[in-house]
Amino acid sequence: MHDIRHQGRHRLGSPGLVHCIEHRPVADALAEYRRTWWSAILVPARHSLAGLRRRAAAAAAERAWAPTVRRVATAG
């Protein structure tokens, strides 16, 4: 039983196209890898973890600090 408001749509507004879940091989593959609600709460999706890692690395590089090096003028 699906709530029509939350049903996935492909190319919204294009007539004749259906959601991928209506293709039997895709539906079978998704059913095989479907996670339980408990595991979905405990462990974020893989793409979420990758995004968190990328953002953390970018934030660390942005906040990295190093003292400025002053060059001493030599008399010559």
N, C-alpha and C. Protein backbone atom coordinates (compact mmCIF):
# COMPACT_ATOMS: atom_id res chain seq x y z
N MET A 1 0.84 -1.17 0.00
CA MET A 1 0.00 0.00 0.00
C MET A 1 0.89 1.24 0.00
N HIS A 2 0.88 2.00 -1.08
CA HIS A 2 1.73 3.17 -1.22
C HIS A 2 0.90 4.44 -1.15
N ASP A 3 1.48 5.43 -0.56
CA ASP A 3 0.87 6.75 -0.53
C ASP A 3 1.20 7.44 -1.84
N ILE A 4 0.23 7.81 -2.61
CA ILE A 4 0.43 8.38 -3.94
C ILE A 4 1.25 9.67 -3.90
N ARG A 5 1.20 10.40 -2.80
CA ARG A 5 1.96 11.65 -2.70
C ARG A 5 3.46 11.40 -2.65
N HIS A 6 3.87 10.23 -2.17
CA HIS A 6 5.29 9.93 -2.02
C HIS A 6 5.77 8.91 -3.04
N GLN A 7 4.98 8.64 -4.05
CA GLN A 7 5.37 7.67 -5.06
C GLN A 7 6.43 8.31 -5.96
N GLY A 8 7.50 7.57 -6.25
CA GLY A 8 8.55 8.09 -7.11
C GLY A 8 8.06 8.25 -8.53
N ARG A 9 8.58 9.23 -9.22
CA ARG A 9 8.17 9.48 -10.60
C ARG A 9 9.41 9.76 -11.43
N HIS A 10 9.41 9.27 -12.64
CA HIS A 10 10.50 9.57 -13.55
C HIS A 10 10.01 10.56 -14.59
N ARG A 11 10.78 11.59 -14.82
CA ARG A 11 10.42 12.63 -15.78
C ARG A 11 8.99 13.10 -15.57
N LEU A 12 8.79 13.64 -14.43
CA LEU A 12 7.47 14.10 -14.03
C LEU A 12 6.82 14.94 -15.12
N GLY A 13 5.62 14.57 -15.49
CA GLY A 13 4.90 15.32 -16.50
C GLY A 13 5.02 14.75 -17.90
N SER A 14 5.93 13.80 -18.11
CA SER A 14 6.08 13.19 -19.43
C SER A 14 5.11 12.02 -19.54
N PRO A 15 4.21 12.05 -20.50
CA PRO A 15 3.22 10.97 -20.62
C PRO A 15 3.86 9.66 -21.07
N GLY A 16 3.35 8.56 -20.54
CA GLY A 16 3.78 7.24 -20.98
C GLY A 16 4.99 6.68 -20.26
N LEU A 17 5.64 7.44 -19.38
CA LEU A 17 6.79 6.92 -18.66
C LEU A 17 6.35 6.38 -17.31
N VAL A 18 7.03 5.35 -16.86
CA VAL A 18 6.66 4.72 -15.59
C VAL A 18 7.86 4.74 -14.65
N HIS A 19 7.59 4.54 -13.39
CA HIS A 19 8.65 4.47 -12.39
C HIS A 19 9.42 3.17 -12.57
N CYS A 20 10.72 3.20 -12.25
CA CYS A 20 11.57 2.03 -12.46
C CYS A 20 11.10 0.83 -11.65
N ILE A 21 10.42 1.06 -10.53
CA ILE A 21 9.97 -0.04 -9.68
C ILE A 21 8.92 -0.90 -10.39
N GLU A 22 8.33 -0.37 -11.45
CA GLU A 22 7.33 -1.14 -12.19
C GLU A 22 7.96 -2.11 -13.17
N HIS A 23 9.27 -2.03 -13.37
CA HIS A 23 9.98 -3.00 -14.21
C HIS A 23 10.38 -4.17 -13.31
N ARG A 24 9.94 -5.36 -13.65
CA ARG A 24 10.10 -6.53 -12.78
C ARG A 24 11.55 -6.80 -12.36
N PRO A 25 12.54 -6.80 -13.27
CA PRO A 25 13.92 -7.06 -12.83
C PRO A 25 14.43 -6.02 -11.84
N VAL A 26 14.05 -4.78 -12.04
CA VAL A 26 14.48 -3.72 -11.13
C VAL A 26 13.81 -3.90 -9.78
N ALA A 27 12.53 -4.20 -9.79
CA ALA A 27 11.79 -4.41 -8.54
C ALA A 27 12.38 -5.57 -7.75
N ASP A 28 12.74 -6.65 -8.45
CA ASP A 28 13.34 -7.81 -7.77
C ASP A 28 14.69 -7.46 -7.16
N ALA A 29 15.51 -6.72 -7.90
CA ALA A 29 16.83 -6.34 -7.38
C ALA A 29 16.70 -5.41 -6.18
N LEU A 30 15.79 -4.46 -6.25
CA LEU A 30 15.59 -3.55 -5.11
C LEU A 30 15.05 -4.29 -3.89
N ALA A 31 14.16 -5.24 -4.11
CA ALA A 31 13.61 -6.01 -2.99
C ALA A 31 14.69 -6.84 -2.31
N GLU A 32 15.65 -7.32 -3.10
CA GLU A 32 16.73 -8.14 -2.55
C GLU A 32 17.63 -7.32 -1.63
N TYR A 33 17.83 -6.04 -1.96
CA TYR A 33 18.73 -5.20 -1.18
C TYR A 33 18.01 -4.22 -0.27
N ARG A 34 16.73 -4.38 -0.09
CA ARG A 34 15.96 -3.46 0.75
C ARG A 34 16.41 -3.58 2.20
N ARG A 35 16.58 -2.45 2.83
CA ARG A 35 17.02 -2.43 4.22
C ARG A 35 15.80 -2.34 5.14
N THR A 36 15.96 -2.82 6.35
CA THR A 36 14.88 -2.70 7.33
C THR A 36 14.87 -1.27 7.86
N TRP A 37 13.77 -0.88 8.44
CA TRP A 37 13.67 0.48 8.96
C TRP A 37 14.69 0.71 10.06
N TRP A 38 15.01 -0.34 10.82
CA TRP A 38 15.96 -0.20 11.92
C TRP A 38 17.37 0.05 11.39
N SER A 39 17.78 -0.69 10.36
CA SER A 39 19.11 -0.48 9.80
C SER A 39 19.20 0.87 9.10
N ALA A 40 18.10 1.34 8.54
CA ALA A 40 18.10 2.65 7.89
C ALA A 40 18.31 3.77 8.91
N ILE A 41 17.82 3.57 10.12
CA ILE A 41 18.00 4.57 11.18
C ILE A 41 19.44 4.54 11.70
N LEU A 42 19.96 3.33 11.90
CA LEU A 42 21.28 3.18 12.51
C LEU A 42 22.43 3.53 11.57
N VAL A 43 22.31 3.16 10.31
CA VAL A 43 23.42 3.33 9.37
C VAL A 43 22.93 4.14 8.18
N PRO A 44 23.52 5.30 7.93
CA PRO A 44 23.10 6.07 6.76
C PRO A 44 23.47 5.35 5.48
N ALA A 45 22.87 5.74 4.40
CA ALA A 45 23.15 5.12 3.10
C ALA A 45 24.60 5.38 2.70
N ARG A 46 25.11 4.53 1.82
CA ARG A 46 26.52 4.65 1.41
C ARG A 46 26.81 6.00 0.78
N HIS A 47 25.90 6.49 -0.05
CA HIS A 47 26.17 7.78 -0.68
C HIS A 47 26.19 8.90 0.35
N SER A 48 25.44 8.75 1.44
CA SER A 48 25.46 9.76 2.50
C SER A 48 26.81 9.77 3.20
N LEU A 49 27.37 8.58 3.46
CA LEU A 49 28.67 8.50 4.11
C LEU A 49 29.76 9.09 3.23
N ALA A 50 29.68 8.83 1.93
CA ALA A 50 30.68 9.39 1.01
C ALA A 50 30.60 10.91 1.00
N GLY A 51 29.40 11.44 1.01
CA GLY A 51 29.23 12.89 1.03
C GLY A 51 29.75 13.50 2.32
N LEU A 52 29.51 12.82 3.44
CA LEU A 52 30.00 13.32 4.72
C LEU A 52 31.52 13.35 4.73
N ARG A 53 32.15 12.30 4.20
CA ARG A 53 33.61 12.25 4.15
C ARG A 53 34.16 13.39 3.29
N ARG A 54 33.56 13.59 2.13
CA ARG A 54 34.02 14.62 1.21
C ARG A 54 33.88 16.01 1.84
N ARG A 55 32.74 16.25 2.46
CA ARG A 55 32.52 17.56 3.09
C ARG A 55 33.47 17.77 4.27
N ALA A 56 33.74 16.72 5.03
CA ALA A 56 34.64 16.84 6.17
C ALA A 56 36.06 17.15 5.70
N ALA A 57 36.50 16.50 4.63
CA ALA A 57 37.83 16.76 4.10
C ALA A 57 37.93 18.19 3.57
N ALA A 58 36.90 18.65 2.88
CA ALA A 58 36.90 20.02 2.35
C ALA A 58 36.90 21.04 3.49
N ALA A 59 36.13 20.78 4.54
CA ALA A 59 36.07 21.70 5.67
C ALA A 59 37.41 21.73 6.40
N ALA A 60 38.06 20.58 6.54
CA ALA A 60 39.35 20.54 7.22
C ALA A 60 40.40 21.32 6.43
N ALA A 61 40.38 21.17 5.11
CA ALA A 61 41.34 21.90 4.28
C ALA A 61 41.08 23.40 4.34
N GLU A 62 39.82 23.77 4.40
CA GLU A 62 39.46 25.18 4.45
C GLU A 62 39.89 25.82 5.77
N ARG A 63 39.82 25.06 6.85
CA ARG A 63 40.14 25.60 8.17
C ARG A 63 41.61 25.41 8.55
N ALA A 64 42.38 24.77 7.70
CA ALA A 64 43.78 24.53 8.03
C ALA A 64 44.50 25.87 8.18
N TRP A 65 45.38 25.93 9.13
CA TRP A 65 46.07 27.18 9.41
C TRP A 65 47.57 26.91 9.48
N ALA A 66 48.31 27.80 8.92
CA ALA A 66 49.76 27.74 9.03
C ALA A 66 50.26 29.17 9.21
N PRO A 67 51.27 29.36 10.02
CA PRO A 67 51.77 30.72 10.22
C PRO A 67 52.41 31.24 8.93
N THR A 68 52.33 32.54 8.75
CA THR A 68 52.95 33.13 7.56
C THR A 68 54.46 33.21 7.78
N VAL A 69 55.17 33.01 6.72
CA VAL A 69 56.63 33.05 6.80
C VAL A 69 57.07 34.43 6.33
N ARG A 70 57.78 35.11 7.20
CA ARG A 70 58.27 36.45 6.86
C ARG A 70 59.70 36.33 6.35
N ARG A 71 59.91 36.96 5.24
CA ARG A 71 61.27 36.94 4.69
C ARG A 71 62.05 38.13 5.27
N VAL A 72 63.21 37.84 5.68
CA VAL A 72 64.06 38.88 6.25
C VAL A 72 64.85 39.51 5.11
N ALA A 73 64.76 40.81 5.03
CA ALA A 73 65.50 41.51 3.99
C ALA A 73 66.98 41.50 4.34
N THR A 74 67.79 41.14 3.39
CA THR A 74 69.23 41.12 3.63
C THR A 74 69.86 42.38 3.05
N ALA A 75 70.83 42.90 3.77
CA ALA A 75 71.53 44.10 3.29
C ALA A 75 72.59 43.64 2.30
N GLY A 76 72.68 44.26 1.22
CA GLY A 76 73.67 43.75 0.30
C GLY A 76 74.23 44.69 -0.57
